[in-house]
PDB file of N, CA and C in Angstrom:
ATOM      1  N   MET A   1      -7.230  62.739 -33.071  1.00  0.00           N
ATOM      2  CA  MET A   1      -7.515  63.755 -32.073  1.00  0.00           C
ATOM      3  C   MET A   1      -7.043  65.119 -32.545  1.00  0.00           C
ATOM      4  N   TYR A   2      -5.870  65.175 -33.121  1.00  0.00           N
ATOM      5  CA  TYR A   2      -5.301  66.475 -33.442  1.00  0.00           C
ATOM      6  C   TYR A   2      -6.111  67.245 -34.481  1.00  0.00           C
ATOM      7  N   PRO A   3      -6.570  66.592 -35.545  1.00  0.00           N
ATOM      8  CA  PRO A   3      -7.422  67.348 -36.481  1.00  0.00           C
ATOM      9  C   PRO A   3      -8.724  67.801 -35.838  1.00  0.00           C
ATOM     10  N   ARG A   4      -9.206  67.052 -34.868  1.00  0.00           N
ATOM     11  CA  ARG A   4     -10.478  67.388 -34.240  1.00  0.00           C
ATOM     12  C   ARG A   4     -10.379  68.704 -33.464  1.00  0.00           C
ATOM     13  N   ILE A   5      -9.282  68.923 -32.732  1.00  0.00           N
ATOM     14  CA  ILE A   5      -9.186  70.190 -31.997  1.00  0.00           C
ATOM     15  C   ILE A   5      -8.981  71.359 -32.960  1.00  0.00           C
ATOM     16  N   ARG A   6      -8.319  71.106 -34.072  1.00  0.00           N
ATOM     17  CA  ARG A   6      -8.177  72.158 -35.090  1.00  0.00           C
ATOM     18  C   ARG A   6      -9.534  72.468 -35.704  1.00  0.00           C
ATOM     19  N   ASP A   7     -10.287  71.436 -36.050  1.00  0.00           N
ATOM     20  CA  ASP A   7     -11.603  71.638 -36.656  1.00  0.00           C
ATOM     21  C   ASP A   7     -12.543  72.374 -35.708  1.00  0.00           C
ATOM     22  N   LEU A   8     -12.525  72.014 -34.432  1.00  0.00           N
ATOM     23  CA  LEU A   8     -13.374  72.715 -33.460  1.00  0.00           C
ATOM     24  C   LEU A   8     -12.995  74.191 -33.378  1.00  0.00           C
ATOM     25  N   ARG A   9     -11.702  74.469 -33.347  1.00  0.00           N
ATOM     26  CA  ARG A   9     -11.247  75.863 -33.278  1.00  0.00           C
ATOM     27  C   ARG A   9     -11.721  76.629 -34.499  1.00  0.00           C
ATOM     28  N   GLU A  10     -11.550  76.035 -35.678  1.00  0.00           N
ATOM     29  CA  GLU A  10     -11.965  76.711 -36.911  1.00  0.00           C
ATOM     30  C   GLU A  10     -13.485  76.867 -36.976  1.00  0.00           C
ATOM     31  N   ASP A  11     -14.224  75.855 -36.507  1.00  0.00           N
ATOM     32  CA  ASP A  11     -15.690  75.941 -36.497  1.00  0.00           C
ATOM     33  C   ASP A  11     -16.181  77.081 -35.603  1.00  0.00           C
ATOM     34  N   HIS A  12     -15.390  77.426 -34.586  1.00  0.00           N
ATOM     35  CA  HIS A  12     -15.745  78.514 -33.674  1.00  0.00           C
ATOM     36  C   HIS A  12     -15.103  79.835 -34.101  1.00  0.00           C
ATOM     37  N   ASP A  13     -14.528  79.847 -35.299  1.00  0.00           N
ATOM     38  CA  ASP A  13     -13.890  81.065 -35.848  1.00  0.00           C
ATOM     39  C   ASP A  13     -12.874  81.666 -34.880  1.00  0.00           C
ATOM     40  N   LYS A  14     -12.057  80.808 -34.306  1.00  0.00           N
ATOM     41  CA  LYS A  14     -11.011  81.250 -33.380  1.00  0.00           C
ATOM     42  C   LYS A  14      -9.641  81.048 -34.016  1.00  0.00           C
ATOM     43  N   LYS A  15      -8.707  81.892 -33.617  1.00  0.00           N
ATOM     44  CA  LYS A  15      -7.324  81.752 -34.041  1.00  0.00           C
ATOM     45  C   LYS A  15      -6.571  80.975 -32.966  1.00  0.00           C
ATOM     46  N   GLN A  16      -5.465  80.360 -33.373  1.00  0.00           N
ATOM     47  CA  GLN A  16      -4.660  79.620 -32.410  1.00  0.00           C
ATOM     48  C   GLN A  16      -4.259  80.501 -31.236  1.00  0.00           C
ATOM     49  N   THR A  17      -3.959  81.753 -31.512  1.00  0.00           N
ATOM     50  CA  THR A  17      -3.557  82.678 -30.459  1.00  0.00           C
ATOM     51  C   THR A  17      -4.646  82.841 -29.408  1.00  0.00           C
ATOM     52  N   GLU A  18      -5.898  82.907 -29.836  1.00  0.00           N
ATOM     53  CA  GLU A  18      -7.005  83.071 -28.897  1.00  0.00           C
ATOM     54  C   GLU A  18      -7.136  81.856 -27.976  1.00  0.00           C
ATOM     55  N   ILE A  19      -7.032  80.663 -28.561  1.00  0.00           N
ATOM     56  CA  ILE A  19      -7.149  79.448 -27.753  1.00  0.00           C
ATOM     57  C   ILE A  19      -5.941  79.324 -26.824  1.00  0.00           C
ATOM     58  N   ALA A  20      -4.765  79.636 -27.348  1.00  0.00           N
ATOM     59  CA  ALA A  20      -3.560  79.584 -26.516  1.00  0.00           C
ATOM     60  C   ALA A  20      -3.675  80.531 -25.326  1.00  0.00           C
ATOM     61  N   ASN A  21      -4.182  81.735 -25.547  1.00  0.00           N
ATOM     62  CA  ASN A  21      -4.364  82.695 -24.450  1.00  0.00           C
ATOM     63  C   ASN A  21      -5.342  82.159 -23.414  1.00  0.00           C
ATOM     64  N   MET A  22      -6.433  81.562 -23.877  1.00  0.00           N
ATOM     65  CA  MET A  22      -7.419  80.990 -22.967  1.00  0.00           C
ATOM     66  C   MET A  22      -6.786  79.881 -22.121  1.00  0.00           C
ATOM     67  N   LEU A  23      -5.863  79.140 -22.713  1.00  0.00           N
ATOM     68  CA  LEU A  23      -5.198  78.044 -22.008  1.00  0.00           C
ATOM     69  C   LEU A  23      -3.988  78.520 -21.199  1.00  0.00           C
ATOM     70  N   GLY A  24      -3.607  79.793 -21.366  1.00  0.00           N
ATOM     71  CA  GLY A  24      -2.462  80.328 -20.639  1.00  0.00           C
ATOM     72  C   GLY A  24      -1.132  79.832 -21.164  1.00  0.00           C
ATOM     73  N   MET A  25      -1.029  79.704 -22.480  1.00  0.00           N
ATOM     74  CA  MET A  25       0.197  79.205 -23.080  1.00  0.00           C
ATOM     75  C   MET A  25       0.517  79.987 -24.346  1.00  0.00           C
ATOM     76  N   SER A  26       1.639  79.674 -24.974  1.00  0.00           N
ATOM     77  CA  SER A  26       2.022  80.360 -26.204  1.00  0.00           C
ATOM     78  C   SER A  26       1.287  79.763 -27.398  1.00  0.00           C
ATOM     79  N   GLN A  27       1.188  80.539 -28.461  1.00  0.00           N
ATOM     80  CA  GLN A  27       0.576  80.056 -29.702  1.00  0.00           C
ATOM     81  C   GLN A  27       1.389  78.900 -30.263  1.00  0.00           C
ATOM     82  N   THR A  28       2.713  78.987 -30.164  1.00  0.00           N
ATOM     83  CA  THR A  28       3.584  77.921 -30.673  1.00  0.00           C
ATOM     84  C   THR A  28       3.321  76.612 -29.938  1.00  0.00           C
ATOM     85  N   GLY A  29       3.186  76.695 -28.617  1.00  0.00           N
ATOM     86  CA  GLY A  29       2.897  75.496 -27.831  1.00  0.00           C
ATOM     87  C   GLY A  29       1.572  74.876 -28.215  1.00  0.00           C
ATOM     88  N   TYR A  30       0.562  75.723 -28.390  1.00  0.00           N
ATOM     89  CA  TYR A  30      -0.750  75.207 -28.786  1.00  0.00           C
ATOM     90  C   TYR A  30      -0.693  74.602 -30.184  1.00  0.00           C
ATOM     91  N   SER A  31       0.017  75.249 -31.084  1.00  0.00           N
ATOM     92  CA  SER A  31       0.141  74.758 -32.455  1.00  0.00           C
ATOM     93  C   SER A  31       0.696  73.332 -32.480  1.00  0.00           C
ATOM     94  N   LYS A  32       1.608  73.046 -31.576  1.00  0.00           N
ATOM     95  CA  LYS A  32       2.198  71.699 -31.520  1.00  0.00           C
ATOM     96  C   LYS A  32       1.176  70.649 -31.098  1.00  0.00           C
ATOM     97  N   TYR A  33       0.159  71.052 -30.363  1.00  0.00           N
ATOM     98  CA  TYR A  33      -0.938  70.127 -30.043  1.00  0.00           C
ATOM     99  C   TYR A  33      -1.742  69.822 -31.296  1.00  0.00           C
ATOM    100  N   GLU A  34      -2.052  70.856 -32.075  1.00  0.00           N
ATOM    101  CA  GLU A  34      -2.868  70.661 -33.280  1.00  0.00           C
ATOM    102  C   GLU A  34      -2.160  69.820 -34.333  1.00  0.00           C
ATOM    103  N   THR A  35      -0.838  69.923 -34.398  1.00  0.00           N
ATOM    104  CA  THR A  35      -0.095  69.158 -35.408  1.00  0.00           C
ATOM    105  C   THR A  35       0.288  67.768 -34.919  1.00  0.00           C
ATOM    106  N   GLY A  36       0.104  67.515 -33.622  1.00  0.00           N
ATOM    107  CA  GLY A  36       0.462  66.223 -33.064  1.00  0.00           C
ATOM    108  C   GLY A  36       1.919  66.124 -32.674  1.00  0.00           C
ATOM    109  N   GLU A  37       2.642  67.226 -32.763  1.00  0.00           N
ATOM    110  CA  GLU A  37       4.052  67.222 -32.375  1.00  0.00           C
ATOM    111  C   GLU A  37       4.212  66.971 -30.880  1.00  0.00           C
ATOM    112  N   ASN A  38       3.280  67.488 -30.083  1.00  0.00           N
ATOM    113  CA  ASN A  38       3.271  67.264 -28.631  1.00  0.00           C
ATOM    114  C   ASN A  38       1.953  66.630 -28.224  1.00  0.00           C
ATOM    115  N   ASP A  39       2.017  65.715 -27.263  1.00  0.00           N
ATOM    116  CA  ASP A  39       0.798  65.149 -26.690  1.00  0.00           C
ATOM    117  C   ASP A  39       0.113  66.207 -25.831  1.00  0.00           C
ATOM    118  N   ILE A  40      -1.189  66.111 -25.759  1.00  0.00           N
ATOM    119  CA  ILE A  40      -1.963  67.086 -24.997  1.00  0.00           C
ATOM    120  C   ILE A  40      -2.148  66.576 -23.570  1.00  0.00           C
ATOM    121  N   PRO A  41      -1.702  67.348 -22.578  1.00  0.00           N
ATOM    122  CA  PRO A  41      -1.891  66.927 -21.190  1.00  0.00           C
ATOM    123  C   PRO A  41      -3.376  66.862 -20.817  1.00  0.00           C
ATOM    124  N   THR A  42      -3.682  66.028 -19.850  1.00  0.00           N
ATOM    125  CA  THR A  42      -5.060  65.860 -19.405  1.00  0.00           C
ATOM    126  C   THR A  42      -5.688  67.177 -18.992  1.00  0.00           C
ATOM    127  N   SER A  43      -4.938  68.016 -18.300  1.00  0.00           N
ATOM    128  CA  SER A  43      -5.494  69.295 -17.842  1.00  0.00           C
ATOM    129  C   SER A  43      -5.908  70.180 -19.021  1.00  0.00           C
ATOM    130  N   ILE A  44      -5.177  70.126 -20.109  1.00  0.00           N
ATOM    131  CA  ILE A  44      -5.517  70.905 -21.304  1.00  0.00           C
ATOM    132  C   ILE A  44      -6.731  70.293 -21.986  1.00  0.00           C
ATOM    133  N   LEU A  45      -6.799  68.965 -22.047  1.00  0.00           N
ATOM    134  CA  LEU A  45      -7.976  68.302 -22.628  1.00  0.00           C
ATOM    135  C   LEU A  45      -9.241  68.698 -21.886  1.00  0.00           C
ATOM    136  N   ILE A  46      -9.161  68.754 -20.572  1.00  0.00           N
ATOM    137  CA  ILE A  46     -10.322  69.142 -19.767  1.00  0.00           C
ATOM    138  C   ILE A  46     -10.750  70.565 -20.102  1.00  0.00           C
ATOM    139  N   LYS A  47      -9.796  71.472 -20.168  1.00  0.00           N
ATOM    140  CA  LYS A  47     -10.113  72.870 -20.492  1.00  0.00           C
ATOM    141  C   LYS A  47     -10.719  72.991 -21.887  1.00  0.00           C
ATOM    142  N   LEU A  48     -10.157  72.268 -22.853  1.00  0.00           N
ATOM    143  CA  LEU A  48     -10.691  72.326 -24.218  1.00  0.00           C
ATOM    144  C   LEU A  48     -12.104  71.751 -24.286  1.00  0.00           C
ATOM    145  N   ALA A  49     -12.338  70.636 -23.595  1.00  0.00           N
ATOM    146  CA  ALA A  49     -13.672  70.029 -23.588  1.00  0.00           C
ATOM    147  C   ALA A  49     -14.694  70.981 -22.983  1.00  0.00           C
ATOM    148  N   ARG A  50     -14.324  71.644 -21.908  1.00  0.00           N
ATOM    149  CA  ARG A  50     -15.233  72.606 -21.281  1.00  0.00           C
ATOM    150  C   ARG A  50     -15.461  73.811 -22.189  1.00  0.00           C
ATOM    151  N   TYR A  51     -14.394  74.294 -22.794  1.00  0.00           N
ATOM    152  CA  TYR A  51     -14.491  75.467 -23.664  1.00  0.00           C
ATOM    153  C   TYR A  51     -15.419  75.199 -24.852  1.00  0.00           C
ATOM    154  N   TYR A  52     -15.256  74.031 -25.469  1.00  0.00           N
ATOM    155  CA  TYR A  52     -16.060  73.690 -26.643  1.00  0.00           C
ATOM    156  C   TYR A  52     -17.368  72.978 -26.286  1.00  0.00           C
ATOM    157  N   ASN A  53     -17.598  72.779 -24.984  1.00  0.00           N
ATOM    158  CA  ASN A  53     -18.815  72.118 -24.503  1.00  0.00           C
ATOM    159  C   ASN A  53     -18.985  70.746 -25.145  1.00  0.00           C
ATOM    160  N   THR A  54     -17.929  69.963 -25.072  1.00  0.00           N
ATOM    161  CA  THR A  54     -17.932  68.627 -25.641  1.00  0.00           C
ATOM    162  C   THR A  54     -17.275  67.672 -24.651  1.00  0.00           C
ATOM    163  N   SER A  55     -17.182  66.417 -25.014  1.00  0.00           N
ATOM    164  CA  SER A  55     -16.564  65.437 -24.119  1.00  0.00           C
ATOM    165  C   SER A  55     -15.099  65.227 -24.495  1.00  0.00           C
ATOM    166  N   ILE A  56     -14.345  64.760 -23.530  1.00  0.00           N
ATOM    167  CA  ILE A  56     -12.946  64.411 -23.801  1.00  0.00           C
ATOM    168  C   ILE A  56     -12.892  63.244 -24.776  1.00  0.00           C
ATOM    169  N   ASP A  57     -13.827  62.312 -24.669  1.00  0.00           N
ATOM    170  CA  ASP A  57     -13.879  61.195 -25.619  1.00  0.00           C
ATOM    171  C   ASP A  57     -14.007  61.702 -27.054  1.00  0.00           C
ATOM    172  N   TYR A  58     -14.789  62.748 -27.246  1.00  0.00           N
ATOM    173  CA  TYR A  58     -14.925  63.320 -28.592  1.00  0.00           C
ATOM    174  C   TYR A  58     -13.595  63.919 -29.038  1.00  0.00           C
ATOM    175  N   LEU A  59     -12.936  64.651 -28.161  1.00  0.00           N
ATOM    176  CA  LEU A  59     -11.647  65.239 -28.512  1.00  0.00           C
ATOM    177  C   LEU A  59     -10.621  64.166 -28.867  1.00  0.00           C
ATOM    178  N   LEU A  60     -10.679  63.045 -28.153  1.00  0.00           N
ATOM    179  CA  LEU A  60      -9.729  61.959 -28.372  1.00  0.00           C
ATOM    180  C   LEU A  60     -10.092  61.071 -29.554  1.00  0.00           C
ATOM    181  N   GLY A  61     -11.263  61.286 -30.136  1.00  0.00           N
ATOM    182  CA  GLY A  61     -11.680  60.470 -31.273  1.00  0.00           C
ATOM    183  C   GLY A  61     -12.275  59.136 -30.884  1.00  0.00           C
ATOM    184  N   GLU A  62     -12.646  58.987 -29.613  1.00  0.00           N
ATOM    185  CA  GLU A  62     -13.250  57.744 -29.142  1.00  0.00           C
ATOM    186  C   GLU A  62     -14.725  57.653 -29.494  1.00  0.00           C
ATOM    187  N   THR A  63     -15.328  58.771 -29.825  1.00  0.00           N
ATOM    188  CA  THR A  63     -16.718  58.817 -30.240  1.00  0.00           C
ATOM    189  C   THR A  63     -16.883  59.926 -31.273  1.00  0.00           C
ATOM    190  N   ASP A  64     -17.884  59.782 -32.097  1.00  0.00           N
ATOM    191  CA  ASP A  64     -18.191  60.838 -33.069  1.00  0.00           C
ATOM    192  C   ASP A  64     -19.331  61.729 -32.583  1.00  0.00           C
ATOM    193  N   LYS A  65     -19.823  61.453 -31.366  1.00  0.00           N
ATOM    194  CA  LYS A  65     -20.886  62.265 -30.783  1.00  0.00           C
ATOM    195  C   LYS A  65     -20.251  63.365 -29.937  1.00  0.00           C
ATOM    196  N   PRO A  66     -20.422  64.619 -30.324  1.00  0.00           N
ATOM    197  CA  PRO A  66     -19.766  65.707 -29.594  1.00  0.00           C
ATOM    198  C   PRO A  66     -20.431  66.083 -28.279  1.00  0.00           C
ATOM    199  N   ASP A  67     -21.567  65.455 -27.942  1.00  0.00           N
ATOM    200  CA  ASP A  67     -22.293  65.817 -26.727  1.00  0.00           C
ATOM    201  C   ASP A  67     -21.471  65.527 -25.485  1.00  0.00           C
ATOM    202  N   ARG A  68     -21.607  66.421 -24.508  1.00  0.00           N
ATOM    203  CA  ARG A  68     -20.968  66.214 -23.208  1.00  0.00           C
ATOM    204  C   ARG A  68     -21.718  65.171 -22.427  1.00  0.00           C
ATOM    205  N   TYR A  69     -21.003  64.489 -21.550  1.00  0.00           N
ATOM    206  CA  TYR A  69     -21.648  63.573 -20.613  1.00  0.00           C
ATOM    207  C   TYR A  69     -22.282  64.393 -19.505  1.00  0.00           C
ATOM    208  N   GLU A  70     -23.415  63.966 -19.049  1.00  0.00           N
ATOM    209  CA  GLU A  70     -24.083  64.639 -17.920  1.00  0.00           C
ATOM    210  C   GLU A  70     -23.903  63.832 -16.669  1.00  0.00           C
TER     211      GLU A  70
END
């Protein structure tokens, strides 16, 4: 899961600071999600899935299909 959120951020040409601001948190806190140092709360997963227009299952590595569920 952790490399996937980093890859999505990089694919969208965003910096950690930009994503952290969107989530209302510090860059350091967000960085710990990308490295796996901290688990990602459900509320953050939801925001990231909506932001990247993907499913939570994709973020969690449960599927390789990035499409959102309808």
